[in-house]
C-alpha cells in the first residue's frame, strides 16, 4: 500500500511541475532592472555584442543552439513579426559560440529571446518558444516609450 501511495504522489508532483513549466514556457518577463531605473543601470547591448545591427525601433535577439528544435519555430515567428513591424530587426546568436555573452546575460536555455528598444536596452526576455501574439505585446512595451 505504501508503494502505491508513493507512486501516486510522484505522479501528482510530476504533473504539477509539467503544468507549471508549460505555463511559463515562452512567456516574456520584464527586464531584471526596471525600465525606470537610471540609464546606466539598465541592461544594454550594442551592435558589436550581438553581431548585427540594432533596429530603428526595436531588436529581437534570439539565442539558439544547433540541436534546439524549438529554436527553428522561434526563428520563424520572430522573422515574421519583424517583417510585419517596420523598424524591427531580428538577430540570432549561437549560444555555443558566444559563451561569455550567454554567461553575462544569464541565458539558461535555448531559445531565449531578448527584446531591445531602439537604444539596445533589454526591455523583456522569454525562455522557450514564444507565440506570435506574445512577441507583439513585448514589442509594444519596447516601442511605446520611444514614441
Foldseek 3Di string as FASTA:
>chain_A
DVVVVVVVVVVVVVVVVVVVCVVQAQAKDFAPDAPPDDPVPFDFDACVLLVHHAFQFKEKEWEAEDPDPQQVVLVVLQVVLPVVDHRYYYGYDHCVVNVVVCVVRVPDAPTKIFMAGNRRTGGIMGHHRHDNVSVVVSSCRRRVVVD
